[in-house]
Each structure stands twice: as structure tokens, then as C-alpha cells.
């Protein structure tokens, strides 16, 4: 099993930056890929960013490309989501997730992920 705990959310203004963290425990951190997803009120959970087991491959949703950066720190068993130039439409609960079956890929498919954190709220005011 993998346990995931997100942190770093909050209330910011448009144009500001935030860095989300996701601390992982359980299985060996380098044995699985990681992803970030988000869910706004009344909407389905959507893909934001993903990173493979080594950090050599990343994927981003078009809506965040160029503004968000995903990274992982093996020493800290933590994956990060650096969010710059935030927009009101980025407001959502952000979830990190672990994907165990294809760790070499930065998987974008929500159904492929096996473990999920509890989420952290990000609110961007205009």
C-alpha cells in the first residue's frame, strides 16, 4: 500500500504562486509514477500533471502547460506541484495519486492510478 498526504493549498490572488507537496509512504517511492489531479465544484476530477518513477518523463494538461511544474524528491519521498501565474479557473481541490503498474510512464489517465491522497484546497481570487 501507499499512503499519500497533500499540503500547501490555500487562498491566493490571480497571478500568485503556490507549491503543493505530496508526502508518500509505504512502498518504495521510486517504484511508482505520481500524478496530480484536481476537482472543481460540480465538475469531474481532471488530470493536471504526472511524473514517472525517475523524474525523466512528465506530462501536463494543456490548461496548465507552461505555468505548472511537477517534480519529485527521492530523498524526501515527496512530489511537488509548483503552480505559477494562477488563475481563478485553477480553483479546485488538488489530489495527488500513485500509479504502480506502469512506473516508467507519466500516466494521464485517472483510472490508472491506484492510491489517492485526501486532497488540498486551492482557491484563486480574481
Protein backbone atom coordinates (compact mmCIF):
# COMPACT_ATOMS: atom_id res chain seq x y z
CA UNK A 1 0.00 0.00 0.00
CA UNK A 2 0.90 3.65 -0.47
CA UNK A 3 -0.18 6.47 1.80
CA UNK A 4 -0.30 9.99 0.36
CA UNK A 5 -0.69 13.27 2.22
CA UNK A 6 -1.04 16.59 0.38
CA UNK A 7 -0.25 20.01 1.78
CA UNK A 8 0.37 23.55 0.61
CA UNK A 9 -3.04 24.63 -0.56
CA UNK A 10 -4.56 27.98 0.32
CA UNK A 11 -6.21 31.19 -0.81
CA UNK A 12 -4.23 33.35 -3.24
CA UNK A 13 -4.86 36.09 -5.76
CA UNK A 14 -4.71 35.72 -9.50
CA UNK A 15 -1.12 35.82 -10.71
CA UNK A 16 0.29 34.44 -7.46
CA UNK A 17 2.18 31.19 -6.98
CA UNK A 18 1.73 28.16 -4.74
CA UNK A 19 3.67 24.96 -4.25
CA UNK A 20 1.79 21.82 -3.35
CA UNK A 21 3.53 18.90 -1.69
CA UNK A 22 2.57 15.25 -1.50
CA UNK A 23 4.39 13.08 1.02
CA UNK A 24 4.36 9.37 0.23
CA UNK A 25 4.93 6.40 2.48
CA UNK A 26 4.53 2.65 2.27
CA UNK A 27 6.09 1.16 -0.82
CA UNK A 28 9.46 2.22 -2.21
CA UNK A 29 8.98 5.73 -3.60
CA UNK A 30 10.87 5.08 -6.82
CA UNK A 31 8.69 2.09 -7.72
CA UNK A 32 5.68 4.09 -8.91
CA UNK A 33 4.67 7.08 -11.01
CA UNK A 34 2.90 10.04 -9.45
CA UNK A 35 0.21 12.38 -10.66
CA UNK A 36 -1.74 15.47 -9.67
CA UNK A 37 -5.44 15.82 -10.40
CA UNK A 38 -7.98 18.46 -9.46
CA UNK A 39 -11.70 18.68 -8.97
CA UNK A 40 -13.73 21.86 -9.05
CA UNK A 41 -17.27 22.04 -7.60
CA UNK A 42 -19.74 20.34 -9.91
CA UNK A 43 -17.05 19.04 -12.24
CA UNK A 44 -15.28 15.75 -12.73
CA UNK A 45 -11.80 15.16 -11.41
CA UNK A 46 -9.32 16.06 -14.15
CA UNK A 47 -5.69 15.39 -14.89
CA UNK A 48 -3.18 18.15 -14.13
CA UNK A 49 0.35 16.71 -14.25
CA UNK A 50 2.25 13.45 -13.92
CA UNK A 51 5.82 12.27 -13.47
CA UNK A 52 7.35 8.85 -13.93
CA UNK A 53 9.33 6.93 -11.34
CA UNK A 54 12.68 8.54 -12.10
CA UNK A 55 11.50 12.04 -12.96
CA UNK A 56 12.75 11.68 -16.52
CA UNK A 57 9.29 11.93 -18.06
CA UNK A 58 6.49 14.38 -17.29
CA UNK A 59 3.05 15.15 -18.70
CA UNK A 60 0.83 18.21 -18.33
CA UNK A 61 -2.71 19.18 -19.13
CA UNK A 62 -2.87 21.84 -21.83
CA UNK A 63 -4.56 24.22 -19.40
CA UNK A 64 -1.52 24.30 -17.09
CA UNK A 65 1.35 23.77 -19.50
CA UNK A 66 3.97 26.48 -19.08
CA UNK A 67 2.58 27.54 -15.68
CA UNK A 68 2.79 24.39 -13.53
CA UNK A 69 5.80 22.16 -12.91
CA UNK A 70 5.80 18.70 -11.34
CA UNK A 71 8.90 17.33 -9.64
CA UNK A 72 9.81 14.56 -7.22
CA UNK A 73 12.42 14.32 -4.49
CA UNK A 74 13.53 10.76 -3.82
CA UNK A 75 15.32 11.70 -0.61
CA UNK A 76 12.14 13.18 0.85
CA UNK A 77 9.64 10.74 -0.72
CA UNK A 78 7.75 13.78 -1.90
CA UNK A 79 6.27 15.01 -5.15
CA UNK A 80 5.68 18.71 -5.73
CA UNK A 81 3.46 20.80 -7.94
CA UNK A 82 4.78 24.31 -8.46
CA UNK A 83 1.93 26.49 -9.67
CA UNK A 84 2.72 29.91 -11.12
CA UNK A 85 0.54 32.58 -12.70
CA UNK A 86 -2.52 31.15 -11.02
CA UNK A 87 -5.94 31.90 -12.48
CA UNK A 88 -9.40 31.79 -10.89
CA UNK A 89 -10.18 28.75 -13.06
CA UNK A 90 -7.41 26.87 -11.23
CA UNK A 91 -9.61 26.87 -8.12
CA UNK A 92 -10.22 23.26 -7.09
CA UNK A 93 -9.35 20.54 -4.64
CA UNK A 94 -6.00 19.11 -5.72
CA UNK A 95 -5.23 15.43 -5.26
CA UNK A 96 -2.01 13.51 -5.67
CA UNK A 97 -2.07 9.90 -6.75
CA UNK A 98 0.27 6.94 -7.19
CA UNK A 99 0.33 4.63 -10.22
CA UNK A 100 2.02 1.27 -9.62
CA UNK A 101 1.55 -0.69 -12.84
CA UNK A 102 3.47 1.46 -15.33
CA UNK A 103 6.03 3.42 -13.30
CA UNK A 104 8.12 4.32 -16.37
CA UNK A 105 5.26 6.35 -17.82
CA UNK A 106 3.85 9.71 -16.74
CA UNK A 107 0.29 8.44 -16.97
CA UNK A 108 -2.51 10.92 -17.62
CA UNK A 109 -5.46 8.55 -17.16
CA UNK A 110 -7.26 8.90 -13.85
CA UNK A 111 -8.44 5.28 -13.82
CA UNK A 112 -4.84 4.04 -13.96
CA UNK A 113 -3.99 5.42 -10.53
CA UNK A 114 -4.15 3.10 -7.56
CA UNK A 115 -3.83 5.29 -4.47
CA UNK A 116 -5.07 8.79 -3.72
CA UNK A 117 -4.48 11.43 -1.10
CA UNK A 118 -7.23 13.28 0.72
CA UNK A 119 -6.83 16.49 -1.28
CA UNK A 120 -5.88 20.09 -0.56
CA UNK A 121 -7.97 23.13 -1.45
CA UNK A 122 -6.60 25.80 -3.76
CA UNK A 123 -8.66 28.96 -4.18
CA UNK A 124 -7.63 31.71 -6.56
CA UNK A 125 -9.45 35.02 -6.28
CA UNK A 126 -9.72 37.48 -9.14
